[in-house]
Amino acid sequence: MDETKELVKKITEGIQEKKGKNIVIADLTDIDDTICKFFVICQGNSPSQVLAITDSIKEYIRKETGHKVFAMDGVRNAQWVAMDYSDIIVHIFLPEVRDFYDLEHLWADAKLTYIPDID
């Protein structure tokens, strides 16, 4: 579990490298029948920033931990990119798409941690 938490921390750092905003970590470990242990949710202001955040996470995680992303979806339209790190799924949204899907409230039972933006 500590390795998973460390990976969440590194993913957060990768997001912050490219000024990703409104980072929320949803801890799903106490919820039965979930597809993973953590969601890391953030947003970029444009499709190009969403892709820059995606690339930053991918490279930073590979460099820092040796982990590779198992699967990615959404890079073609870059409105919502999902990155699968097995126990962690990273969601990178455009703000309006994030508001629409509202994952934080969908998983209301999860323990949510809000990471302050770095300016």
PDB file of N, CA and C in Angstrom:
ATOM      1  N   MET A   1       0.827  -1.204   0.000  1.00  0.00           N
ATOM      2  CA  MET A   1       0.000   0.000   0.000  1.00  0.00           C
ATOM      3  C   MET A   1       0.870   1.267   0.000  1.00  0.00           C
ATOM      4  N   ASP A   2       1.996   1.216   0.729  1.00  0.00           N
ATOM      5  CA  ASP A   2       2.877   2.382   0.762  1.00  0.00           C
ATOM      6  C   ASP A   2       3.401   2.722  -0.624  1.00  0.00           C
ATOM      7  N   GLU A   3       3.685   1.703  -1.425  1.00  0.00           N
ATOM      8  CA  GLU A   3       4.161   1.933  -2.789  1.00  0.00           C
ATOM      9  C   GLU A   3       3.085   2.646  -3.624  1.00  0.00           C
ATOM     10  N   THR A   4       1.831   2.250  -3.410  1.00  0.00           N
ATOM     11  CA  THR A   4       0.725   2.887  -4.118  1.00  0.00           C
ATOM     12  C   THR A   4       0.603   4.350  -3.708  1.00  0.00           C
ATOM     13  N   LYS A   5       0.709   4.625  -2.413  1.00  0.00           N
ATOM     14  CA  LYS A   5       0.632   6.017  -1.936  1.00  0.00           C
ATOM     15  C   LYS A   5       1.793   6.845  -2.467  1.00  0.00           C
ATOM     16  N   GLU A   6       2.962   6.245  -2.545  1.00  0.00           N
ATOM     17  CA  GLU A   6       4.126   6.935  -3.102  1.00  0.00           C
ATOM     18  C   GLU A   6       3.895   7.260  -4.581  1.00  0.00           C
ATOM     19  N   LEU A   7       3.284   6.322  -5.297  1.00  0.00           N
ATOM     20  CA  LEU A   7       2.981   6.546  -6.708  1.00  0.00           C
ATOM     21  C   LEU A   7       1.959   7.684  -6.870  1.00  0.00           C
ATOM     22  N   VAL A   8       0.962   7.738  -5.981  1.00  0.00           N
ATOM     23  CA  VAL A   8      -0.008   8.839  -6.002  1.00  0.00           C
ATOM     24  C   VAL A   8       0.719  10.175  -5.833  1.00  0.00           C
ATOM     25  N   LYS A   9       1.668  10.215  -4.896  1.00  0.00           N
ATOM     26  CA  LYS A   9       2.439  11.437  -4.648  1.00  0.00           C
ATOM     27  C   LYS A   9       3.231  11.840  -5.900  1.00  0.00           C
ATOM     28  N   LYS A  10       3.860  10.868  -6.550  1.00  0.00           N
ATOM     29  CA  LYS A  10       4.659  11.143  -7.753  1.00  0.00           C
ATOM     30  C   LYS A  10       3.756  11.610  -8.907  1.00  0.00           C
ATOM     31  N   ILE A  11       2.578  11.005  -9.028  1.00  0.00           N
ATOM     32  CA  ILE A  11       1.628  11.431 -10.061  1.00  0.00           C
ATOM     33  C   ILE A  11       1.236  12.889  -9.829  1.00  0.00           C
ATOM     34  N   THR A  12       0.984  13.236  -8.563  1.00  0.00           N
ATOM     35  CA  THR A  12       0.642  14.618  -8.210  1.00  0.00           C
ATOM     36  C   THR A  12       1.768  15.573  -8.619  1.00  0.00           C
ATOM     37  N   GLU A  13       2.999  15.172  -8.365  1.00  0.00           N
ATOM     38  CA  GLU A  13       4.150  16.001  -8.753  1.00  0.00           C
ATOM     39  C   GLU A  13       4.225  16.155 -10.270  1.00  0.00           C
ATOM     40  N   GLY A  14       3.935  15.082 -10.992  1.00  0.00           N
ATOM     41  CA  GLY A  14       3.925  15.145 -12.451  1.00  0.00           C
ATOM     42  C   GLY A  14       2.863  16.102 -12.979  1.00  0.00           C
ATOM     43  N   ILE A  15       1.721  16.139 -12.305  1.00  0.00           N
ATOM     44  CA  ILE A  15       0.643  17.066 -12.674  1.00  0.00           C
ATOM     45  C   ILE A  15       1.098  18.501 -12.423  1.00  0.00           C
ATOM     46  N   GLN A  16       1.702  18.717 -11.261  1.00  0.00           N
ATOM     47  CA  GLN A  16       2.125  20.062 -10.881  1.00  0.00           C
ATOM     48  C   GLN A  16       3.235  20.606 -11.778  1.00  0.00           C
ATOM     49  N   GLU A  17       4.051  19.705 -12.365  1.00  0.00           N
ATOM     50  CA  GLU A  17       5.100  20.115 -13.304  1.00  0.00           C
ATOM     51  C   GLU A  17       4.530  20.967 -14.437  1.00  0.00           C
ATOM     52  N   LYS A  18       3.318  20.622 -14.862  1.00  0.00           N
ATOM     53  CA  LYS A  18       2.686  21.322 -15.986  1.00  0.00           C
ATOM     54  C   LYS A  18       1.515  22.188 -15.532  1.00  0.00           C
ATOM     55  N   LYS A  19       1.544  22.587 -14.258  1.00  0.00           N
ATOM     56  CA  LYS A  19       0.551  23.513 -13.711  1.00  0.00           C
ATOM     57  C   LYS A  19      -0.888  22.997 -13.778  1.00  0.00           C
ATOM     58  N   GLY A  20      -1.053  21.678 -13.631  1.00  0.00           N
ATOM     59  CA  GLY A  20      -2.398  21.131 -13.524  1.00  0.00           C
ATOM     60  C   GLY A  20      -3.066  21.684 -12.273  1.00  0.00           C
ATOM     61  N   LYS A  21      -4.348  21.935 -12.344  1.00  0.00           N
ATOM     62  CA  LYS A  21      -5.065  22.608 -11.252  1.00  0.00           C
ATOM     63  C   LYS A  21      -6.110  21.701 -10.608  1.00  0.00           C
ATOM     64  N   ASN A  22      -6.574  22.152  -9.432  1.00  0.00           N
ATOM     65  CA  ASN A  22      -7.673  21.492  -8.707  1.00  0.00           C
ATOM     66  C   ASN A  22      -7.462  19.984  -8.580  1.00  0.00           C
ATOM     67  N   ILE A  23      -6.316  19.610  -8.064  1.00  0.00           N
ATOM     68  CA  ILE A  23      -5.995  18.189  -7.907  1.00  0.00           C
ATOM     69  C   ILE A  23      -6.766  17.637  -6.708  1.00  0.00           C
ATOM     70  N   VAL A  24      -7.473  16.541  -6.952  1.00  0.00           N
ATOM     71  CA  VAL A  24      -8.187  15.849  -5.885  1.00  0.00           C
ATOM     72  C   VAL A  24      -7.773  14.377  -5.919  1.00  0.00           C
ATOM     73  N   ILE A  25      -7.429  13.851  -4.757  1.00  0.00           N
ATOM     74  CA  ILE A  25      -7.107  12.429  -4.639  1.00  0.00           C
ATOM     75  C   ILE A  25      -8.281  11.764  -3.928  1.00  0.00           C
ATOM     76  N   ALA A  26      -8.889  10.802  -4.597  1.00  0.00           N
ATOM     77  CA  ALA A  26     -10.007  10.050  -4.014  1.00  0.00           C
ATOM     78  C   ALA A  26      -9.475   8.693  -3.564  1.00  0.00           C
ATOM     79  N   ASP A  27      -9.519   8.465  -2.262  1.00  0.00           N
ATOM     80  CA  ASP A  27      -9.063   7.206  -1.674  1.00  0.00           C
ATOM     81  C   ASP A  27     -10.255   6.250  -1.641  1.00  0.00           C
ATOM     82  N   LEU A  28     -10.186   5.212  -2.480  1.00  0.00           N
ATOM     83  CA  LEU A  28     -11.285   4.259  -2.613  1.00  0.00           C
ATOM     84  C   LEU A  28     -11.021   2.957  -1.848  1.00  0.00           C
ATOM     85  N   THR A  29      -9.969   2.931  -1.038  1.00  0.00           N
ATOM     86  CA  THR A  29      -9.553   1.670  -0.406  1.00  0.00           C
ATOM     87  C   THR A  29     -10.597   1.087   0.535  1.00  0.00           C
ATOM     88  N   ASP A  30     -11.441   1.918   1.136  1.00  0.00           N
ATOM     89  CA  ASP A  30     -12.453   1.408   2.065  1.00  0.00           C
ATOM     90  C   ASP A  30     -13.794   1.111   1.395  1.00  0.00           C
ATOM     91  N   ILE A  31     -13.830   1.241   0.062  1.00  0.00           N
ATOM     92  CA  ILE A  31     -15.077   0.991  -0.664  1.00  0.00           C
ATOM     93  C   ILE A  31     -14.961  -0.358  -1.365  1.00  0.00           C
ATOM     94  N   ASP A  32     -15.972  -1.201  -1.205  1.00  0.00           N
ATOM     95  CA  ASP A  32     -15.939  -2.535  -1.818  1.00  0.00           C
ATOM     96  C   ASP A  32     -16.143  -2.458  -3.327  1.00  0.00           C
ATOM     97  N   ASP A  33     -15.577  -3.430  -4.025  1.00  0.00           N
ATOM     98  CA  ASP A  33     -15.814  -3.626  -5.464  1.00  0.00           C
ATOM     99  C   ASP A  33     -15.470  -2.425  -6.335  1.00  0.00           C
ATOM    100  N   THR A  34     -14.363  -1.761  -6.052  1.00  0.00           N
ATOM    101  CA  THR A  34     -13.926  -0.683  -6.931  1.00  0.00           C
ATOM    102  C   THR A  34     -12.877  -1.212  -7.907  1.00  0.00           C
ATOM    103  N   ILE A  35     -12.707  -0.499  -9.007  1.00  0.00           N
ATOM    104  CA  ILE A  35     -11.757  -0.951 -10.026  1.00  0.00           C
ATOM    105  C   ILE A  35     -10.315  -0.612  -9.674  1.00  0.00           C
ATOM    106  N   CYS A  36     -10.137   0.264  -8.689  1.00  0.00           N
ATOM    107  CA  CYS A  36      -8.788   0.645  -8.286  1.00  0.00           C
ATOM    108  C   CYS A  36      -8.817   1.158  -6.846  1.00  0.00           C
ATOM    109  N   LYS A  37      -7.646   1.519  -6.318  1.00  0.00           N
ATOM    110  CA  LYS A  37      -7.563   2.005  -4.938  1.00  0.00           C
ATOM    111  C   LYS A  37      -7.645   3.529  -4.843  1.00  0.00           C
ATOM    112  N   PHE A  38      -7.176   4.214  -5.891  1.00  0.00           N
ATOM    113  CA  PHE A  38      -7.164   5.673  -5.884  1.00  0.00           C
ATOM    114  C   PHE A  38      -7.549   6.236  -7.237  1.00  0.00           C
ATOM    115  N   PHE A  39      -8.253   7.356  -7.219  1.00  0.00           N
ATOM    116  CA  PHE A  39      -8.412   8.217  -8.380  1.00  0.00           C
ATOM    117  C   PHE A  39      -7.579   9.458  -8.092  1.00  0.00           C
ATOM    118  N   VAL A  40      -6.864   9.928  -9.095  1.00  0.00           N
ATOM    119  CA  VAL A  40      -6.237  11.244  -9.020  1.00  0.00           C
ATOM    120  C   VAL A  40      -6.900  12.058 -10.121  1.00  0.00           C
ATOM    121  N   ILE A  41      -7.560  13.153  -9.728  1.00  0.00           N
ATOM    122  CA  ILE A  41      -8.354  13.948 -10.661  1.00  0.00           C
ATOM    123  C   ILE A  41      -7.751  15.350 -10.728  1.00  0.00           C
ATOM    124  N   CYS A  42      -7.603  15.867 -11.952  1.00  0.00           N
ATOM    125  CA  CYS A  42      -7.092  17.228 -12.093  1.00  0.00           C
ATOM    126  C   CYS A  42      -7.629  17.814 -13.388  1.00  0.00           C
ATOM    127  N   GLN A  43      -7.226  19.051 -13.666  1.00  0.00           N
ATOM    128  CA  GLN A  43      -7.681  19.670 -14.904  1.00  0.00           C
ATOM    129  C   GLN A  43      -6.607  20.554 -15.500  1.00  0.00           C
ATOM    130  N   GLY A  44      -6.721  20.701 -16.825  1.00  0.00           N
ATOM    131  CA  GLY A  44      -5.907  21.634 -17.585  1.00  0.00           C
ATOM    132  C   GLY A  44      -6.845  22.590 -18.296  1.00  0.00           C
ATOM    133  N   ASN A  45      -6.365  23.772 -18.627  1.00  0.00           N
ATOM    134  CA  ASN A  45      -7.239  24.810 -19.186  1.00  0.00           C
ATOM    135  C   ASN A  45      -7.512  24.684 -20.680  1.00  0.00           C
ATOM    136  N   SER A  46      -6.753  23.832 -21.366  1.00  0.00           N
ATOM    137  CA  SER A  46      -6.925  23.678 -22.809  1.00  0.00           C
ATOM    138  C   SER A  46      -6.562  22.245 -23.188  1.00  0.00           C
ATOM    139  N   PRO A  47      -7.005  21.794 -24.371  1.00  0.00           N
ATOM    140  CA  PRO A  47      -6.600  20.444 -24.800  1.00  0.00           C
ATOM    141  C   PRO A  47      -5.078  20.278 -24.827  1.00  0.00           C
ATOM    142  N   SER A  48      -4.350  21.304 -25.236  1.00  0.00           N
ATOM    143  CA  SER A  48      -2.887  21.166 -25.279  1.00  0.00           C
ATOM    144  C   SER A  48      -2.300  21.034 -23.863  1.00  0.00           C
ATOM    145  N   GLN A  49      -2.892  21.733 -22.877  1.00  0.00           N
ATOM    146  CA  GLN A  49      -2.402  21.572 -21.505  1.00  0.00           C
ATOM    147  C   GLN A  49      -2.771  20.195 -20.951  1.00  0.00           C
ATOM    148  N   VAL A  50      -3.956  19.691 -21.290  1.00  0.00           N
ATOM    149  CA  VAL A  50      -4.349  18.338 -20.870  1.00  0.00           C
ATOM    150  C   VAL A  50      -3.324  17.322 -21.382  1.00  0.00           C
ATOM    151  N   LEU A  51      -2.918  17.464 -22.645  1.00  0.00           N
ATOM    152  CA  LEU A  51      -1.928  16.543 -23.217  1.00  0.00           C
ATOM    153  C   LEU A  51      -0.553  16.735 -22.583  1.00  0.00           C
ATOM    154  N   ALA A  52      -0.189  17.991 -22.282  1.00  0.00           N
ATOM    155  CA  ALA A  52       1.103  18.254 -21.633  1.00  0.00           C
ATOM    156  C   ALA A  52       1.146  17.619 -20.249  1.00  0.00           C
ATOM    157  N   ILE A  53       0.042  17.710 -19.504  1.00  0.00           N
ATOM    158  CA  ILE A  53      -0.041  17.080 -18.176  1.00  0.00           C
ATOM    159  C   ILE A  53       0.079  15.559 -18.320  1.00  0.00           C
ATOM    160  N   THR A  54      -0.632  15.007 -19.294  1.00  0.00           N
ATOM    161  CA  THR A  54      -0.585  13.557 -19.550  1.00  0.00           C
ATOM    162  C   THR A  54       0.846  13.106 -19.811  1.00  0.00           C
ATOM    163  N   ASP A  55       1.538  13.802 -20.718  1.00  0.00           N
ATOM    164  CA  ASP A  55       2.924  13.447 -21.044  1.00  0.00           C
ATOM    165  C   ASP A  55       3.843  13.606 -19.834  1.00  0.00           C
ATOM    166  N   SER A  56       3.610  14.667 -19.063  1.00  0.00           N
ATOM    167  CA  SER A  56       4.432  14.918 -17.883  1.00  0.00           C
ATOM    168  C   SER A  56       4.301  13.781 -16.876  1.00  0.00           C
ATOM    169  N   ILE A  57       3.068  13.356 -16.616  1.00  0.00           N
ATOM    170  CA  ILE A  57       2.840  12.246 -15.681  1.00  0.00           C
ATOM    171  C   ILE A  57       3.548  10.992 -16.192  1.00  0.00           C
ATOM    172  N   LYS A  58       3.330  10.677 -17.457  1.00  0.00           N
ATOM    173  CA  LYS A  58       3.889   9.456 -18.048  1.00  0.00           C
ATOM    174  C   LYS A  58       5.415   9.435 -17.918  1.00  0.00           C
ATOM    175  N   GLU A  59       6.059  10.539 -18.295  1.00  0.00           N
ATOM    176  CA  GLU A  59       7.528  10.610 -18.247  1.00  0.00           C
ATOM    177  C   GLU A  59       8.048  10.645 -16.814  1.00  0.00           C
ATOM    178  N   TYR A  60       7.399  11.451 -15.964  1.00  0.00           N
ATOM    179  CA  TYR A  60       7.843  11.614 -14.582  1.00  0.00           C
ATOM    180  C   TYR A  60       7.756  10.282 -13.824  1.00  0.00           C
ATOM    181  N   ILE A  61       6.666   9.575 -13.997  1.00  0.00           N
ATOM    182  CA  ILE A  61       6.480   8.287 -13.309  1.00  0.00           C
ATOM    183  C   ILE A  61       7.496   7.269 -13.804  1.00  0.00           C
ATOM    184  N   ARG A  62       7.710   7.226 -15.111  1.00  0.00           N
ATOM    185  CA  ARG A  62       8.682   6.281 -15.665  1.00  0.00           C
ATOM    186  C   ARG A  62      10.082   6.570 -15.123  1.00  0.00           C
ATOM    187  N   LYS A  63      10.440   7.857 -15.099  1.00  0.00           N
ATOM    188  CA  LYS A  63      11.763   8.269 -14.640  1.00  0.00           C
ATOM    189  C   LYS A  63      11.934   8.043 -13.136  1.00  0.00           C
ATOM    190  N   GLU A  64      10.935   8.408 -12.346  1.00  0.00           N
ATOM    191  CA  GLU A  64      11.049   8.371 -10.886  1.00  0.00           C
ATOM    192  C   GLU A  64      10.822   6.971 -10.301  1.00  0.00           C
ATOM    193  N   THR A  65       9.959   6.170 -10.921  1.00  0.00           N
ATOM    194  CA  THR A  65       9.581   4.894 -10.306  1.00  0.00           C
ATOM    195  C   THR A  65       9.808   3.683 -11.207  1.00  0.00           C
ATOM    196  N   GLY A  66       9.966   3.915 -12.498  1.00  0.00           N
ATOM    197  CA  GLY A  66      10.083   2.803 -13.427  1.00  0.00           C
ATOM    198  C   GLY A  66       8.740   2.237 -13.867  1.00  0.00           C
ATOM    199  N   HIS A  67       7.646   2.718 -13.289  1.00  0.00           N
ATOM    200  CA  HIS A  67       6.311   2.242 -13.683  1.00  0.00           C
ATOM    201  C   HIS A  67       5.927   2.801 -15.043  1.00  0.00           C
ATOM    202  N   LYS A  68       5.210   1.994 -15.795  1.00  0.00           N
ATOM    203  CA  LYS A  68       4.666   2.442 -17.077  1.00  0.00           C
ATOM    204  C   LYS A  68       3.145   2.436 -16.982  1.00  0.00           C
ATOM    205  N   VAL A  69       2.538   3.352 -17.721  1.00  0.00           N
ATOM    206  CA  VAL A  69       1.080   3.401 -17.759  1.00  0.00           C
ATOM    207  C   VAL A  69       0.581   2.155 -18.500  1.00  0.00           C
ATOM    208  N   PHE A  70      -0.446   1.465 -17.945  1.00  0.00           N
ATOM    209  CA  PHE A  70      -0.971   0.248 -18.573  1.00  0.00           C
ATOM    210  C   PHE A  70      -1.825   0.581 -19.781  1.00  0.00           C
ATOM    211  N   ALA A  71      -2.627   1.613 -19.648  1.00  0.00           N
ATOM    212  CA  ALA A  71      -3.528   1.999 -20.732  1.00  0.00           C
ATOM    213  C   ALA A  71      -3.871   3.470 -20.582  1.00  0.00           C
ATOM    214  N   MET A  72      -4.170   4.090 -21.726  1.00  0.00           N
ATOM    215  CA  MET A  72      -4.607   5.490 -21.725  1.00  0.00           C
ATOM    216  C   MET A  72      -5.752   5.626 -22.706  1.00  0.00           C
ATOM    217  N   ASP A  73      -6.680   6.511 -22.378  1.00  0.00           N
ATOM    218  CA  ASP A  73      -7.784   6.767 -23.288  1.00  0.00           C
ATOM    219  C   ASP A  73      -8.096   8.252 -23.266  1.00  0.00           C
ATOM    220  N   GLY A  74      -8.530   8.783 -24.399  1.00  0.00           N
ATOM    221  CA  GLY A  74      -8.973  10.156 -24.459  1.00  0.00           C
ATOM    222  C   GLY A  74      -7.970  11.133 -25.042  1.00  0.00           C
ATOM    223  N   VAL A  75      -6.781  10.641 -25.427  1.00  0.00           N
ATOM    224  CA  VAL A  75      -5.772  11.579 -25.930  1.00  0.00           C
ATOM    225  C   VAL A  75      -6.155  12.184 -27.279  1.00  0.00           C
ATOM    226  N   ARG A  76      -6.996  11.525 -28.035  1.00  0.00           N
ATOM    227  CA  ARG A  76      -7.346  12.042 -29.357  1.00  0.00           C
ATOM    228  C   ARG A  76      -8.097  13.370 -29.259  1.00  0.00           C
ATOM    229  N   ASN A  77      -9.099  13.456 -28.380  1.00  0.00           N
ATOM    230  CA  ASN A  77      -9.825  14.735 -28.279  1.00  0.00           C
ATOM    231  C   ASN A  77      -9.355  15.580 -27.092  1.00  0.00           C
ATOM    232  N   ALA A  78      -8.603  14.980 -26.183  1.00  0.00           N
ATOM    233  CA  ALA A  78      -7.949  15.694 -25.076  1.00  0.00           C
ATOM    234  C   ALA A  78      -8.910  16.544 -24.241  1.00  0.00           C
ATOM    235  N   GLN A  79     -10.118  16.036 -24.036  1.00  0.00           N
ATOM    236  CA  GLN A  79     -11.058  16.706 -23.133  1.00  0.00           C
ATOM    237  C   GLN A  79     -11.077  15.998 -21.779  1.00  0.00           C
ATOM    238  N   TRP A  80     -10.885  14.688 -21.824  1.00  0.00           N
ATOM    239  CA  TRP A  80     -10.805  13.864 -20.617  1.00  0.00           C
ATOM    240  C   TRP A  80      -9.863  12.715 -20.944  1.00  0.00           C
ATOM    241  N   VAL A  81      -8.691  12.727 -20.345  1.00  0.00           N
ATOM    242  CA  VAL A  81      -7.739  11.642 -20.531  1.00  0.00           C
ATOM    243  C   VAL A  81      -7.734  10.802 -19.257  1.00  0.00           C
ATOM    244  N   ALA A  82      -7.864   9.492 -19.430  1.00  0.00           N
ATOM    245  CA  ALA A  82      -7.767   8.559 -18.308  1.00  0.00           C
ATOM    246  C   ALA A  82      -6.486   7.751 -18.472  1.00  0.00           C
ATOM    247  N   MET A  83      -5.721   7.668 -17.386  1.00  0.00           N
ATOM    248  CA  MET A  83      -4.462   6.909 -17.387  1.00  0.00           C
ATOM    249  C   MET A  83      -4.569   5.822 -16.323  1.00  0.00           C
ATOM    250  N   ASP A  84      -4.304   4.584 -16.724  1.00  0.00           N
ATOM    251  CA  ASP A  84      -4.448   3.447 -15.823  1.00  0.00           C
ATOM    252  C   ASP A  84      -3.081   3.002 -15.304  1.00  0.00           C
ATOM    253  N   TYR A  85      -2.883   3.183 -14.007  1.00  0.00           N
ATOM    254  CA  TYR A  85      -1.688   2.677 -13.329  1.00  0.00           C
ATOM    255  C   TYR A  85      -2.080   1.548 -12.372  1.00  0.00           C
ATOM    256  N   SER A  86      -2.951   0.669 -12.821  1.00  0.00           N
ATOM    257  CA  SER A  86      -3.415  -0.491 -12.064  1.00  0.00           C
ATOM    258  C   SER A  86      -4.221  -0.085 -10.827  1.00  0.00           C
ATOM    259  N   ASP A  87      -3.556   0.187  -9.703  1.00  0.00           N
ATOM    260  CA  ASP A  87      -4.276   0.565  -8.483  1.00  0.00           C
ATOM    261  C   ASP A  87      -4.688   2.032  -8.470  1.00  0.00           C
ATOM    262  N   ILE A  88      -4.215   2.785  -9.465  1.00  0.00           N
ATOM    263  CA  ILE A  88      -4.487   4.223  -9.532  1.00  0.00           C
ATOM    264  C   ILE A  88      -4.975   4.560 -10.938  1.00  0.00           C
ATOM    265  N   ILE A  89      -6.074   5.296 -11.008  1.00  0.00           N
ATOM    266  CA  ILE A  89      -6.513   5.820 -12.300  1.00  0.00           C
ATOM    267  C   ILE A  89      -6.461   7.337 -12.217  1.00  0.00           C
ATOM    268  N   VAL A  90      -5.759   7.919 -13.191  1.00  0.00           N
ATOM    269  CA  VAL A  90      -5.587   9.367 -13.247  1.00  0.00           C
ATOM    270  C   VAL A  90      -6.575   9.915 -14.272  1.00  0.00           C
ATOM    271  N   HIS A  91      -7.288  10.960 -13.894  1.00  0.00           N
ATOM    272  CA  HIS A  91      -8.243  11.620 -14.788  1.00  0.00           C
ATOM    273  C   HIS A  91      -7.780  13.063 -14.989  1.00  0.00           C
ATOM    274  N   ILE A  92      -7.539  13.438 -16.251  1.00  0.00           N
ATOM    275  CA  ILE A  92      -7.135  14.806 -16.567  1.00  0.00           C
ATOM    276  C   ILE A  92      -8.228  15.395 -17.453  1.00  0.00           C
ATOM    277  N   PHE A  93      -8.885  16.422 -16.944  1.00  0.00           N
ATOM    278  CA  PHE A  93     -10.069  16.985 -17.590  1.00  0.00           C
ATOM    279  C   PHE A  93      -9.851  18.411 -18.074  1.00  0.00           C
ATOM    280  N   LEU A  94     -10.663  18.799 -19.063  1.00  0.00           N
ATOM    281  CA  LEU A  94     -10.938  20.217 -19.283  1.00  0.00           C
ATOM    282  C   LEU A  94     -11.962  20.615 -18.221  1.00  0.00           C
ATOM    283  N   PRO A  95     -11.951  21.871 -17.734  1.00  0.00           N
ATOM    284  CA  PRO A  95     -12.836  22.257 -16.620  1.00  0.00           C
ATOM    285  C   PRO A  95     -14.320  21.948 -16.860  1.00  0.00           C
ATOM    286  N   GLU A  96     -14.850  22.264 -18.042  1.00  0.00           N
ATOM    287  CA  GLU A  96     -16.286  22.065 -18.279  1.00  0.00           C
ATOM    288  C   GLU A  96     -16.651  20.579 -18.337  1.00  0.00           C
ATOM    289  N   VAL A  97     -15.737  19.747 -18.820  1.00  0.00           N
ATOM    290  CA  VAL A  97     -15.976  18.299 -18.870  1.00  0.00           C
ATOM    291  C   VAL A  97     -15.920  17.732 -17.452  1.00  0.00           C
ATOM    292  N   ARG A  98     -14.986  18.228 -16.667  1.00  0.00           N
ATOM    293  CA  ARG A  98     -14.887  17.792 -15.269  1.00  0.00           C
ATOM    294  C   ARG A  98     -16.158  18.149 -14.507  1.00  0.00           C
ATOM    295  N   ASP A  99     -16.648  19.376 -14.703  1.00  0.00           N
ATOM    296  CA  ASP A  99     -17.884  19.799 -14.028  1.00  0.00           C
ATOM    297  C   ASP A  99     -19.049  18.900 -14.425  1.00  0.00           C
ATOM    298  N   PHE A 100     -19.099  18.535 -15.699  1.00  0.00           N
ATOM    299  CA  PHE A 100     -20.201  17.719 -16.201  1.00  0.00           C
ATOM    300  C   PHE A 100     -20.211  16.331 -15.562  1.00  0.00           C
ATOM    301  N   TYR A 101     -19.054  15.663 -15.522  1.00  0.00           N
ATOM    302  CA  TYR A 101     -19.004  14.287 -15.000  1.00  0.00           C
ATOM    303  C   TYR A 101     -18.912  14.232 -13.479  1.00  0.00           C
ATOM    304  N   ASP A 102     -18.344  15.253 -12.857  1.00  0.00           N
ATOM    305  CA  ASP A 102     -18.368  15.414 -11.407  1.00  0.00           C
ATOM    306  C   ASP A 102     -17.989  14.131 -10.651  1.00  0.00           C
ATOM    307  N   LEU A 103     -16.833  13.567 -11.002  1.00  0.00           N
ATOM    308  CA  LEU A 103     -16.402  12.298 -10.403  1.00  0.00           C
ATOM    309  C   LEU A 103     -16.289  12.351  -8.884  1.00  0.00           C
ATOM    310  N   GLU A 104     -15.884  13.511  -8.360  1.00  0.00           N
ATOM    311  CA  GLU A 104     -15.715  13.609  -6.909  1.00  0.00           C
ATOM    312  C   GLU A 104     -17.019  13.297  -6.180  1.00  0.00           C
ATOM    313  N   HIS A 105     -18.145  13.744  -6.727  1.00  0.00           N
ATOM    314  CA  HIS A 105     -19.417  13.482  -6.061  1.00  0.00           C
ATOM    315  C   HIS A 105     -19.981  12.103  -6.405  1.00  0.00           C
ATOM    316  N   LEU A 106     -19.594  11.589  -7.559  1.00  0.00           N
ATOM    317  CA  LEU A 106     -19.986  10.241  -7.941  1.00  0.00           C
ATOM    318  C   LEU A 106     -19.423   9.235  -6.924  1.00  0.00           C
ATOM    319  N   TRP A 107     -18.207   9.515  -6.449  1.00  0.00           N
ATOM    320  CA  TRP A 107     -17.555   8.660  -5.464  1.00  0.00           C
ATOM    321  C   TRP A 107     -17.600   9.338  -4.100  1.00  0.00           C
ATOM    322  N   ALA A 108     -18.784   9.744  -3.687  1.00  0.00           N
ATOM    323  CA  ALA A 108     -18.957  10.521  -2.450  1.00  0.00           C
ATOM    324  C   ALA A 108     -18.485   9.765  -1.211  1.00  0.00           C
ATOM    325  N   ASP A 109     -18.471   8.440  -1.254  1.00  0.00           N
ATOM    326  CA  ASP A 109     -18.021   7.641  -0.106  1.00  0.00           C
ATOM    327  C   ASP A 109     -16.504   7.636   0.055  1.00  0.00           C
ATOM    328  N   ALA A 110     -15.801   8.079  -0.982  1.00  0.00           N
ATOM    329  CA  ALA A 110     -14.340   8.069  -0.937  1.00  0.00           C
ATOM    330  C   ALA A 110     -13.837   9.170  -0.015  1.00  0.00           C
ATOM    331  N   LYS A 111     -12.642   8.949   0.526  1.00  0.00           N
ATOM    332  CA  LYS A 111     -11.992   9.992   1.313  1.00  0.00           C
ATOM    333  C   LYS A 111     -11.268  10.907   0.320  1.00  0.00           C
ATOM    334  N   LEU A 112     -11.671  12.190   0.258  1.00  0.00           N
ATOM    335  CA  LEU A 112     -11.105  13.109  -0.726  1.00  0.00           C
ATOM    336  C   LEU A 112     -10.038  13.985  -0.090  1.00  0.00           C
ATOM    337  N   THR A 113      -8.920  14.118  -0.793  1.00  0.00           N
ATOM    338  CA  THR A 113      -7.848  14.998  -0.379  1.00  0.00           C
ATOM    339  C   THR A 113      -7.655  16.046  -1.469  1.00  0.00           C
ATOM    340  N   TYR A 114      -7.740  17.298  -1.094  1.00  0.00           N
ATOM    341  CA  TYR A 114      -7.589  18.403  -2.044  1.00  0.00           C
ATOM    342  C   TYR A 114      -6.167  18.940  -1.957  1.00  0.00           C
ATOM    343  N   ILE A 115      -5.480  18.987  -3.091  1.00  0.00           N
ATOM    344  CA  ILE A 115      -4.103  19.457  -3.140  1.00  0.00           C
ATOM    345  C   ILE A 115      -4.115  20.921  -3.577  1.00  0.00           C
ATOM    346  N   PRO A 116      -3.518  21.815  -2.793  1.00  0.00           N
ATOM    347  CA  PRO A 116      -3.514  23.231  -3.187  1.00  0.00           C
ATOM    348  C   PRO A 116      -2.782  23.440  -4.519  1.00  0.00           C
ATOM    349  N   ASP A 117      -3.302  24.370  -5.326  1.00  0.00           N
ATOM    350  CA  ASP A 117      -2.646  24.700  -6.599  1.00  0.00           C
ATOM    351  C   ASP A 117      -1.289  25.350  -6.331  1.00  0.00           C
ATOM    352  N   ILE A 118      -0.348  25.087  -7.219  1.00  0.00           N
ATOM    353  CA  ILE A 118       0.938  25.768  -7.183  1.00  0.00           C
ATOM    354  C   ILE A 118       0.888  26.827  -8.273  1.00  0.00           C
ATOM    355  N   ASP A 119       1.145  28.067  -7.905  1.00  0.00           N
ATOM    356  CA  ASP A 119       1.064  29.129  -8.920  1.00  0.00           C
ATOM    357  C   ASP A 119       2.440  29.459  -9.494  1.00  0.00           C
TER     358      ASP A 119
END
